[in-house]
């Protein structure tokens, strides 16, 4: 299945300041997430930001918050973003059937969100280099499970070029600069 920009919404999962320092390879994850979000914005993909129990885990990390402040934000206590009725309604209101997912932790909130999106008849696309957990084994097992469940795995660079489709696309040069 091709991933077309017109069919996509991006759901950012719990990339928050008190949990982020404990995530494996968090510096690389942050770099990858910034490239992904900038590229999705170039493609005018709608963005929905979710934050788990902000009183305990804090706000979205500053570098991403700066890029996503103008988009809808939803606080949740359920692990799945779909457990927050407003967040799920916002995803459905976009009318998009492909949900690009990135965030933390892969084996908890990202996994449960993806499984619930499948149950809602939506197609999750997991950006595997834009998710992580505290332990690599948890991330790896979650990705295996999600692929078996029907989630489409990709990387940020592959996804951004798939959305771009053509070297003559108006954002091609900007996307190329982002991934270098």
N, C-alpha and C. Protein backbone atom coordinates (compact mmCIF):
# COMPACT_ATOMS: atom_id res chain seq x y z
N UNK A 1 0.84 -1.19 0.00
CA UNK A 1 0.00 0.00 0.00
C UNK A 1 0.88 1.25 0.00
N UNK A 2 0.59 2.17 -0.90
CA UNK A 2 1.31 3.45 -0.94
C UNK A 2 0.76 4.37 0.14
N UNK A 3 1.67 5.16 0.69
CA UNK A 3 1.29 6.15 1.69
C UNK A 3 1.27 7.50 1.00
N UNK A 4 0.08 8.06 0.81
CA UNK A 4 -0.09 9.35 0.13
C UNK A 4 -0.40 10.43 1.15
N UNK A 5 0.19 11.59 0.96
CA UNK A 5 0.04 12.71 1.90
C UNK A 5 -1.43 13.07 2.12
N UNK A 6 -2.24 13.01 1.09
CA UNK A 6 -3.65 13.41 1.22
C UNK A 6 -4.44 12.49 2.15
N UNK A 7 -3.91 11.31 2.43
CA UNK A 7 -4.61 10.33 3.26
C UNK A 7 -4.14 10.30 4.71
N UNK A 8 -3.15 11.14 5.07
CA UNK A 8 -2.44 10.98 6.35
C UNK A 8 -2.74 12.05 7.40
N UNK A 9 -2.71 11.59 8.64
CA UNK A 9 -2.67 12.45 9.82
C UNK A 9 -1.51 11.92 10.67
N UNK A 10 -0.84 12.82 11.39
CA UNK A 10 0.27 12.42 12.26
C UNK A 10 -0.18 12.52 13.72
N UNK A 11 0.05 11.44 14.47
CA UNK A 11 -0.25 11.44 15.90
C UNK A 11 1.07 11.29 16.65
N UNK A 12 1.39 12.30 17.43
CA UNK A 12 2.59 12.33 18.24
C UNK A 12 2.22 11.84 19.64
N UNK A 13 2.96 10.84 20.13
CA UNK A 13 2.60 10.17 21.37
C UNK A 13 3.61 10.44 22.49
N UNK A 14 3.22 11.26 23.45
CA UNK A 14 3.88 11.36 24.76
C UNK A 14 5.38 11.63 24.76
N UNK A 15 5.83 12.53 23.95
CA UNK A 15 7.26 12.86 23.92
C UNK A 15 7.48 13.98 24.94
N UNK A 16 7.53 13.58 26.20
CA UNK A 16 7.46 14.53 27.30
C UNK A 16 8.75 14.62 28.12
N UNK A 17 8.95 15.82 28.70
CA UNK A 17 10.23 16.18 29.28
C UNK A 17 10.69 15.34 30.47
N UNK A 18 9.81 14.81 31.29
CA UNK A 18 10.27 14.04 32.45
C UNK A 18 10.55 12.58 32.12
N UNK A 19 9.97 12.07 31.06
CA UNK A 19 10.21 10.68 30.64
C UNK A 19 11.34 10.60 29.61
N UNK A 20 11.45 11.60 28.77
CA UNK A 20 12.37 11.56 27.64
C UNK A 20 13.83 11.28 28.03
N UNK A 21 14.36 11.85 29.11
CA UNK A 21 15.76 11.57 29.46
C UNK A 21 16.05 10.10 29.77
N UNK A 22 15.02 9.34 30.08
CA UNK A 22 15.19 7.93 30.45
C UNK A 22 15.05 6.99 29.25
N UNK A 23 14.73 7.53 28.10
CA UNK A 23 14.52 6.73 26.89
C UNK A 23 15.87 6.43 26.24
N UNK A 24 16.05 5.20 25.78
CA UNK A 24 17.29 4.78 25.11
C UNK A 24 17.54 5.67 23.88
N UNK A 25 18.79 6.02 23.69
CA UNK A 25 19.22 6.79 22.51
C UNK A 25 18.35 8.03 22.27
N UNK A 26 18.04 8.75 23.34
CA UNK A 26 17.09 9.87 23.23
C UNK A 26 17.61 11.02 22.37
N UNK A 27 18.92 11.22 22.29
CA UNK A 27 19.43 12.31 21.45
C UNK A 27 19.17 12.03 19.97
N UNK A 28 19.42 10.79 19.55
CA UNK A 28 19.14 10.42 18.16
C UNK A 28 17.63 10.45 17.89
N UNK A 29 16.86 9.98 18.86
CA UNK A 29 15.41 10.00 18.72
C UNK A 29 14.91 11.43 18.53
N UNK A 30 15.40 12.35 19.32
CA UNK A 30 14.98 13.75 19.19
C UNK A 30 15.34 14.31 17.82
N UNK A 31 16.55 14.04 17.35
CA UNK A 31 16.97 14.49 16.02
C UNK A 31 16.03 13.94 14.94
N UNK A 32 15.73 12.65 15.02
CA UNK A 32 14.85 12.01 14.04
C UNK A 32 13.44 12.59 14.09
N UNK A 33 12.93 12.80 15.30
CA UNK A 33 11.59 13.35 15.45
C UNK A 33 11.48 14.76 14.87
N UNK A 34 12.51 15.57 15.08
CA UNK A 34 12.50 16.93 14.54
C UNK A 34 12.47 16.91 13.01
N UNK A 35 13.25 16.03 12.41
CA UNK A 35 13.24 15.91 10.95
C UNK A 35 11.87 15.45 10.47
N UNK A 36 11.33 14.43 11.14
CA UNK A 36 10.01 13.91 10.75
C UNK A 36 8.95 15.01 10.80
N UNK A 37 8.87 15.70 11.92
CA UNK A 37 7.82 16.72 12.09
C UNK A 37 8.00 17.86 11.08
N UNK A 38 9.23 18.30 10.88
CA UNK A 38 9.46 19.36 9.88
C UNK A 38 9.03 18.90 8.49
N UNK A 39 9.35 17.66 8.16
CA UNK A 39 8.96 17.13 6.85
C UNK A 39 7.46 16.98 6.70
N UNK A 40 6.80 16.51 7.76
CA UNK A 40 5.34 16.37 7.70
C UNK A 40 4.67 17.74 7.58
N UNK A 41 5.24 18.73 8.24
CA UNK A 41 4.70 20.08 8.12
C UNK A 41 4.86 20.60 6.69
N UNK A 42 5.98 20.30 6.04
CA UNK A 42 6.17 20.71 4.64
C UNK A 42 5.09 20.09 3.76
N UNK A 43 4.68 18.89 4.10
CA UNK A 43 3.63 18.21 3.33
C UNK A 43 2.21 18.57 3.81
N UNK A 44 2.14 19.46 4.78
CA UNK A 44 0.86 19.93 5.33
C UNK A 44 0.00 18.79 5.87
N UNK A 45 0.68 17.85 6.53
CA UNK A 45 -0.02 16.74 7.19
C UNK A 45 -0.59 17.26 8.51
N UNK A 46 -1.86 17.03 8.79
CA UNK A 46 -2.41 17.44 10.09
C UNK A 46 -1.66 16.74 11.23
N UNK A 47 -1.47 17.46 12.33
CA UNK A 47 -0.73 16.93 13.48
C UNK A 47 -1.62 16.97 14.72
N UNK A 48 -1.60 15.88 15.46
CA UNK A 48 -2.32 15.80 16.74
C UNK A 48 -1.31 15.36 17.80
N UNK A 49 -1.18 16.17 18.84
CA UNK A 49 -0.20 15.92 19.90
C UNK A 49 -0.92 15.36 21.12
N UNK A 50 -0.38 14.26 21.64
CA UNK A 50 -0.91 13.66 22.87
C UNK A 50 0.14 13.71 23.96
N UNK A 51 -0.33 13.96 25.18
CA UNK A 51 0.57 14.03 26.33
C UNK A 51 -0.06 13.24 27.47
N UNK A 52 0.74 12.34 28.03
CA UNK A 52 0.30 11.49 29.12
C UNK A 52 0.45 12.23 30.45
N UNK A 53 -0.63 12.35 31.20
CA UNK A 53 -0.61 12.86 32.57
C UNK A 53 0.48 13.93 32.80
N UNK A 54 0.23 15.12 32.25
CA UNK A 54 1.23 16.20 32.25
C UNK A 54 1.71 16.59 33.64
N UNK A 55 0.85 16.48 34.64
CA UNK A 55 1.27 16.82 36.00
C UNK A 55 2.45 15.95 36.45
N UNK A 56 2.46 14.70 36.03
CA UNK A 56 3.52 13.79 36.42
C UNK A 56 4.67 13.72 35.42
N UNK A 57 4.37 13.80 34.13
CA UNK A 57 5.39 13.56 33.10
C UNK A 57 5.85 14.84 32.41
N UNK A 58 5.10 15.92 32.60
CA UNK A 58 5.51 17.20 32.04
C UNK A 58 4.99 17.46 30.64
N UNK A 59 5.47 18.54 30.08
CA UNK A 59 5.08 18.99 28.74
C UNK A 59 5.89 18.26 27.67
N UNK A 60 5.47 18.42 26.44
CA UNK A 60 6.25 17.95 25.29
C UNK A 60 7.63 18.59 25.36
N UNK A 61 8.67 17.85 24.98
CA UNK A 61 10.03 18.40 25.05
C UNK A 61 10.09 19.71 24.24
N UNK A 62 10.88 20.67 24.72
CA UNK A 62 10.88 22.02 24.13
C UNK A 62 11.11 22.07 22.62
N UNK A 63 12.03 21.30 22.09
CA UNK A 63 12.33 21.37 20.66
C UNK A 63 11.13 20.97 19.81
N UNK A 64 10.36 19.98 20.25
CA UNK A 64 9.16 19.57 19.52
C UNK A 64 7.98 20.47 19.82
N UNK A 65 7.91 20.93 21.05
CA UNK A 65 6.82 21.83 21.44
C UNK A 65 6.81 23.07 20.54
N UNK A 66 8.01 23.57 20.25
CA UNK A 66 8.15 24.75 19.39
C UNK A 66 7.57 24.49 18.00
N UNK A 67 7.72 23.27 17.50
CA UNK A 67 7.22 22.93 16.16
C UNK A 67 5.73 22.59 16.13
N UNK A 68 5.18 22.18 17.28
CA UNK A 68 3.81 21.65 17.28
C UNK A 68 2.83 22.46 18.14
N UNK A 69 3.27 23.58 18.66
CA UNK A 69 2.42 24.37 19.56
C UNK A 69 1.08 24.79 18.94
N UNK A 70 1.05 24.98 17.64
CA UNK A 70 -0.16 25.47 16.97
C UNK A 70 -1.15 24.37 16.61
N UNK A 71 -0.82 23.14 16.97
CA UNK A 71 -1.68 22.01 16.63
C UNK A 71 -2.46 21.54 17.85
N UNK A 72 -3.55 20.80 17.66
CA UNK A 72 -4.34 20.33 18.80
C UNK A 72 -3.51 19.43 19.72
N UNK A 73 -3.65 19.68 21.03
CA UNK A 73 -2.99 18.89 22.07
C UNK A 73 -4.06 18.25 22.94
N UNK A 74 -3.81 17.00 23.32
CA UNK A 74 -4.75 16.29 24.19
C UNK A 74 -3.99 15.63 25.33
N UNK A 75 -4.45 15.89 26.53
CA UNK A 75 -3.89 15.21 27.70
C UNK A 75 -4.70 13.95 27.94
N UNK A 76 -4.00 12.91 28.34
CA UNK A 76 -4.67 11.63 28.56
C UNK A 76 -4.13 10.95 29.81
N UNK A 77 -4.91 10.04 30.33
CA UNK A 77 -4.42 9.17 31.40
C UNK A 77 -4.43 7.71 30.92
N UNK A 78 -5.21 7.42 29.88
CA UNK A 78 -5.15 6.08 29.28
C UNK A 78 -3.84 5.98 28.51
N UNK A 79 -3.33 4.79 28.38
CA UNK A 79 -2.09 4.62 27.62
C UNK A 79 -2.34 4.87 26.13
N UNK A 80 -3.42 4.37 25.60
CA UNK A 80 -3.77 4.58 24.20
C UNK A 80 -4.30 5.99 23.99
N UNK A 81 -3.84 6.63 22.93
CA UNK A 81 -4.39 7.94 22.57
C UNK A 81 -5.87 7.83 22.22
N UNK A 82 -6.28 6.65 21.78
CA UNK A 82 -7.69 6.43 21.43
C UNK A 82 -8.58 6.34 22.67
N UNK A 83 -7.98 6.16 23.82
CA UNK A 83 -8.74 6.13 25.07
C UNK A 83 -9.24 7.50 25.48
N UNK A 84 -8.65 8.54 24.91
CA UNK A 84 -9.12 9.91 25.13
C UNK A 84 -10.11 10.20 24.00
N UNK A 85 -11.38 10.34 24.35
CA UNK A 85 -12.42 10.52 23.33
C UNK A 85 -12.18 11.73 22.44
N UNK A 86 -11.65 12.81 23.02
CA UNK A 86 -11.39 14.02 22.23
C UNK A 86 -10.27 13.79 21.21
N UNK A 87 -9.23 13.09 21.63
CA UNK A 87 -8.12 12.78 20.73
C UNK A 87 -8.59 11.88 19.59
N UNK A 88 -9.33 10.83 19.92
CA UNK A 88 -9.86 9.94 18.89
C UNK A 88 -10.79 10.69 17.94
N UNK A 89 -11.64 11.54 18.49
CA UNK A 89 -12.55 12.33 17.65
C UNK A 89 -11.76 13.25 16.72
N UNK A 90 -10.67 13.84 17.22
CA UNK A 90 -9.85 14.73 16.39
C UNK A 90 -9.19 13.95 15.25
N UNK A 91 -8.72 12.74 15.55
CA UNK A 91 -8.13 11.90 14.50
C UNK A 91 -9.17 11.60 13.43
N UNK A 92 -10.35 11.17 13.86
CA UNK A 92 -11.42 10.82 12.91
C UNK A 92 -11.92 12.04 12.14
N UNK A 93 -11.95 13.20 12.80
CA UNK A 93 -12.46 14.42 12.16
C UNK A 93 -11.58 14.87 10.98
N UNK A 94 -10.33 14.43 10.95
CA UNK A 94 -9.47 14.79 9.81
C UNK A 94 -9.94 14.10 8.53
N UNK A 95 -10.69 13.02 8.68
CA UNK A 95 -11.14 12.27 7.51
C UNK A 95 -10.03 11.45 6.86
N UNK A 96 -8.89 11.35 7.53
CA UNK A 96 -7.74 10.62 6.98
C UNK A 96 -7.80 9.17 7.47
N UNK A 97 -7.38 8.25 6.62
CA UNK A 97 -7.44 6.84 7.02
C UNK A 97 -6.07 6.25 7.37
N UNK A 98 -5.00 7.00 7.14
CA UNK A 98 -3.66 6.55 7.51
C UNK A 98 -3.16 7.42 8.66
N UNK A 99 -2.76 6.77 9.75
CA UNK A 99 -2.30 7.49 10.93
C UNK A 99 -0.82 7.19 11.14
N UNK A 100 0.00 8.20 10.91
CA UNK A 100 1.44 8.09 11.14
C UNK A 100 1.67 8.24 12.64
N UNK A 101 2.43 7.30 13.22
CA UNK A 101 2.68 7.31 14.66
C UNK A 101 4.16 7.44 14.96
N UNK A 102 4.46 8.26 15.97
CA UNK A 102 5.82 8.37 16.51
C UNK A 102 5.68 8.76 17.98
N UNK A 103 6.65 8.34 18.79
CA UNK A 103 6.62 8.74 20.19
C UNK A 103 7.18 7.69 21.12
N UNK A 104 6.81 7.83 22.38
CA UNK A 104 7.31 6.94 23.43
C UNK A 104 6.16 6.55 24.36
N UNK A 105 6.27 5.50 25.07
CA UNK A 105 7.16 4.41 24.86
C UNK A 105 6.53 3.42 23.89
N UNK A 106 7.37 2.84 23.03
CA UNK A 106 6.90 1.98 21.95
C UNK A 106 6.02 0.85 22.46
N UNK A 107 6.43 0.23 23.55
CA UNK A 107 5.75 -0.98 24.03
C UNK A 107 4.53 -0.70 24.91
N UNK A 108 4.26 0.56 25.18
CA UNK A 108 3.10 0.88 26.02
C UNK A 108 2.14 1.77 25.23
N UNK A 109 2.33 3.06 25.25
CA UNK A 109 1.37 3.99 24.66
C UNK A 109 1.32 3.91 23.13
N UNK A 110 2.46 3.77 22.49
CA UNK A 110 2.46 3.68 21.02
C UNK A 110 1.79 2.38 20.59
N UNK A 111 2.15 1.27 21.22
CA UNK A 111 1.57 -0.03 20.89
C UNK A 111 0.06 -0.02 21.07
N UNK A 112 -0.41 0.42 22.23
CA UNK A 112 -1.85 0.39 22.49
C UNK A 112 -2.61 1.34 21.57
N UNK A 113 -2.02 2.47 21.24
CA UNK A 113 -2.65 3.40 20.29
C UNK A 113 -2.79 2.74 18.92
N UNK A 114 -1.72 2.12 18.44
CA UNK A 114 -1.75 1.48 17.13
C UNK A 114 -2.78 0.36 17.07
N UNK A 115 -2.84 -0.46 18.11
CA UNK A 115 -3.81 -1.56 18.13
C UNK A 115 -5.24 -1.01 18.12
N UNK A 116 -5.46 0.05 18.88
CA UNK A 116 -6.80 0.66 18.91
C UNK A 116 -7.16 1.32 17.58
N UNK A 117 -6.18 1.92 16.92
CA UNK A 117 -6.44 2.51 15.61
C UNK A 117 -6.85 1.44 14.61
N UNK A 118 -6.19 0.29 14.66
CA UNK A 118 -6.58 -0.83 13.80
C UNK A 118 -8.03 -1.22 14.08
N UNK A 119 -8.40 -1.28 15.36
CA UNK A 119 -9.77 -1.63 15.74
C UNK A 119 -10.79 -0.61 15.24
N UNK A 120 -10.34 0.62 15.06
CA UNK A 120 -11.20 1.70 14.57
C UNK A 120 -11.27 1.72 13.04
N UNK A 121 -10.58 0.78 12.39
CA UNK A 121 -10.60 0.72 10.93
C UNK A 121 -9.61 1.66 10.26
N UNK A 122 -8.66 2.18 11.02
CA UNK A 122 -7.65 3.08 10.48
C UNK A 122 -6.34 2.31 10.29
N UNK A 123 -5.48 2.79 9.41
CA UNK A 123 -4.21 2.12 9.14
C UNK A 123 -3.05 2.86 9.80
N UNK A 124 -2.51 2.32 10.88
CA UNK A 124 -1.34 2.95 11.49
C UNK A 124 -0.06 2.68 10.68
N UNK A 125 0.78 3.70 10.61
CA UNK A 125 2.11 3.60 10.02
C UNK A 125 3.08 3.98 11.14
N UNK A 126 3.92 3.03 11.52
CA UNK A 126 4.85 3.23 12.62
C UNK A 126 6.20 3.68 12.09
N UNK A 127 6.63 4.87 12.48
CA UNK A 127 7.94 5.38 12.06
C UNK A 127 8.95 4.82 13.07
N UNK A 128 9.59 3.71 12.69
CA UNK A 128 10.35 2.91 13.63
C UNK A 128 11.60 3.59 14.20
N UNK A 129 12.14 4.57 13.49
CA UNK A 129 13.28 5.30 14.03
C UNK A 129 12.84 6.60 14.74
N UNK A 130 11.54 6.72 14.94
CA UNK A 130 10.98 7.85 15.70
C UNK A 130 10.13 7.36 16.86
N UNK A 131 10.41 6.14 17.30
CA UNK A 131 9.81 5.59 18.52
C UNK A 131 10.94 4.96 19.33
N UNK A 132 10.72 4.87 20.64
CA UNK A 132 11.68 4.15 21.47
C UNK A 132 11.08 3.91 22.84
N UNK A 133 11.81 3.13 23.62
CA UNK A 133 11.43 2.78 24.99
C UNK A 133 12.67 2.92 25.86
N UNK A 134 12.51 2.69 27.14
CA UNK A 134 13.67 2.71 28.02
C UNK A 134 14.60 1.56 27.71
N UNK A 135 14.04 0.41 27.33
CA UNK A 135 14.84 -0.79 27.03
C UNK A 135 14.63 -1.20 25.57
N UNK A 136 15.74 -1.50 24.89
CA UNK A 136 15.68 -1.89 23.48
C UNK A 136 14.81 -3.13 23.26
N UNK A 137 14.87 -4.09 24.15
CA UNK A 137 14.08 -5.32 24.01
C UNK A 137 12.59 -5.01 23.95
N UNK A 138 12.14 -4.07 24.79
CA UNK A 138 10.72 -3.69 24.79
C UNK A 138 10.33 -3.07 23.45
N UNK A 139 11.17 -2.19 22.93
CA UNK A 139 10.89 -1.57 21.63
C UNK A 139 10.83 -2.62 20.53
N UNK A 140 11.84 -3.48 20.49
CA UNK A 140 11.92 -4.50 19.44
C UNK A 140 10.71 -5.43 19.46
N UNK A 141 10.33 -5.88 20.64
CA UNK A 141 9.19 -6.79 20.76
C UNK A 141 7.90 -6.10 20.34
N UNK A 142 7.73 -4.84 20.72
CA UNK A 142 6.53 -4.09 20.35
C UNK A 142 6.44 -3.92 18.83
N UNK A 143 7.56 -3.61 18.19
CA UNK A 143 7.55 -3.45 16.73
C UNK A 143 7.17 -4.77 16.06
N UNK A 144 7.75 -5.88 16.53
CA UNK A 144 7.38 -7.19 15.96
C UNK A 144 5.89 -7.45 16.11
N UNK A 145 5.37 -7.20 17.29
CA UNK A 145 3.94 -7.43 17.54
C UNK A 145 3.08 -6.56 16.64
N UNK A 146 3.45 -5.30 16.50
CA UNK A 146 2.65 -4.38 15.69
C UNK A 146 2.66 -4.76 14.22
N UNK A 147 3.81 -5.19 13.71
CA UNK A 147 3.87 -5.64 12.31
C UNK A 147 2.96 -6.85 12.12
N UNK A 148 3.00 -7.78 13.06
CA UNK A 148 2.14 -8.96 12.97
C UNK A 148 0.66 -8.59 13.02
N UNK A 149 0.35 -7.51 13.72
CA UNK A 149 -1.04 -7.06 13.85
C UNK A 149 -1.53 -6.31 12.60
N UNK A 150 -0.60 -5.89 11.73
CA UNK A 150 -1.01 -5.20 10.51
C UNK A 150 -0.58 -3.75 10.41
N UNK A 151 0.25 -3.30 11.34
CA UNK A 151 0.78 -1.94 11.29
C UNK A 151 1.90 -1.90 10.25
N UNK A 152 1.97 -0.83 9.48
CA UNK A 152 3.00 -0.68 8.45
C UNK A 152 4.24 -0.02 9.08
N UNK A 153 5.40 -0.70 9.01
CA UNK A 153 6.62 -0.08 9.53
C UNK A 153 7.32 0.73 8.45
N UNK A 154 7.99 1.79 8.86
CA UNK A 154 8.78 2.60 7.93
C UNK A 154 9.83 3.36 8.74
N UNK A 155 10.63 4.15 8.06
CA UNK A 155 11.56 5.07 8.72
C UNK A 155 11.19 6.49 8.28
N UNK A 156 11.70 7.48 9.00
CA UNK A 156 11.32 8.85 8.66
C UNK A 156 11.75 9.23 7.25
N UNK A 157 12.96 8.82 6.85
CA UNK A 157 13.44 9.19 5.52
C UNK A 157 12.61 8.51 4.43
N UNK A 158 12.37 7.23 4.59
CA UNK A 158 11.55 6.51 3.61
C UNK A 158 10.17 7.13 3.50
N UNK A 159 9.55 7.43 4.64
CA UNK A 159 8.21 8.02 4.64
C UNK A 159 8.19 9.38 3.97
N UNK A 160 9.14 10.24 4.31
CA UNK A 160 9.14 11.59 3.75
C UNK A 160 9.32 11.57 2.23
N UNK A 161 10.16 10.67 1.73
CA UNK A 161 10.31 10.57 0.28
C UNK A 161 9.10 9.90 -0.37
N UNK A 162 8.47 8.97 0.32
CA UNK A 162 7.24 8.38 -0.23
C UNK A 162 6.14 9.43 -0.34
N UNK A 163 6.02 10.29 0.66
CA UNK A 163 5.03 11.37 0.61
C UNK A 163 5.36 12.37 -0.50
N UNK A 164 6.65 12.54 -0.76
CA UNK A 164 7.10 13.50 -1.79
C UNK A 164 6.86 12.97 -3.20
N UNK A 165 7.03 11.68 -3.40
CA UNK A 165 6.72 10.97 -4.64
C UNK A 165 7.63 11.25 -5.83
N UNK A 166 8.10 12.48 -6.00
CA UNK A 166 8.71 12.88 -7.26
C UNK A 166 9.74 13.98 -7.00
N UNK A 167 10.85 13.91 -7.70
CA UNK A 167 11.88 14.94 -7.56
C UNK A 167 11.40 16.31 -8.02
N UNK A 168 10.27 16.35 -8.71
CA UNK A 168 9.71 17.63 -9.15
C UNK A 168 8.66 18.17 -8.19
N UNK A 169 8.42 17.45 -7.09
CA UNK A 169 7.46 17.91 -6.08
C UNK A 169 7.97 19.23 -5.49
N UNK A 170 7.07 20.17 -5.21
CA UNK A 170 7.48 21.48 -4.69
C UNK A 170 8.33 21.45 -3.41
N UNK A 171 8.20 20.40 -2.58
CA UNK A 171 8.98 20.36 -1.33
C UNK A 171 10.18 19.41 -1.42
N UNK A 172 10.45 18.85 -2.58
CA UNK A 172 11.53 17.87 -2.71
C UNK A 172 12.86 18.40 -2.19
N UNK A 173 13.25 19.60 -2.63
CA UNK A 173 14.55 20.13 -2.21
C UNK A 173 14.62 20.34 -0.70
N UNK A 174 13.53 20.82 -0.11
CA UNK A 174 13.51 21.03 1.33
C UNK A 174 13.58 19.70 2.09
N UNK A 175 12.88 18.69 1.60
CA UNK A 175 12.93 17.36 2.20
C UNK A 175 14.34 16.80 2.10
N UNK A 176 14.95 16.95 0.94
CA UNK A 176 16.32 16.46 0.74
C UNK A 176 17.29 17.11 1.73
N UNK A 177 17.15 18.40 1.94
CA UNK A 177 18.01 19.10 2.90
C UNK A 177 17.78 18.60 4.32
N UNK A 178 16.53 18.32 4.67
CA UNK A 178 16.22 17.84 6.02
C UNK A 178 16.91 16.52 6.34
N UNK A 179 16.92 15.60 5.38
CA UNK A 179 17.42 14.24 5.66
C UNK A 179 18.94 14.11 5.51
N UNK A 180 19.61 15.13 5.03
CA UNK A 180 21.07 15.05 4.88
C UNK A 180 21.79 15.23 6.18
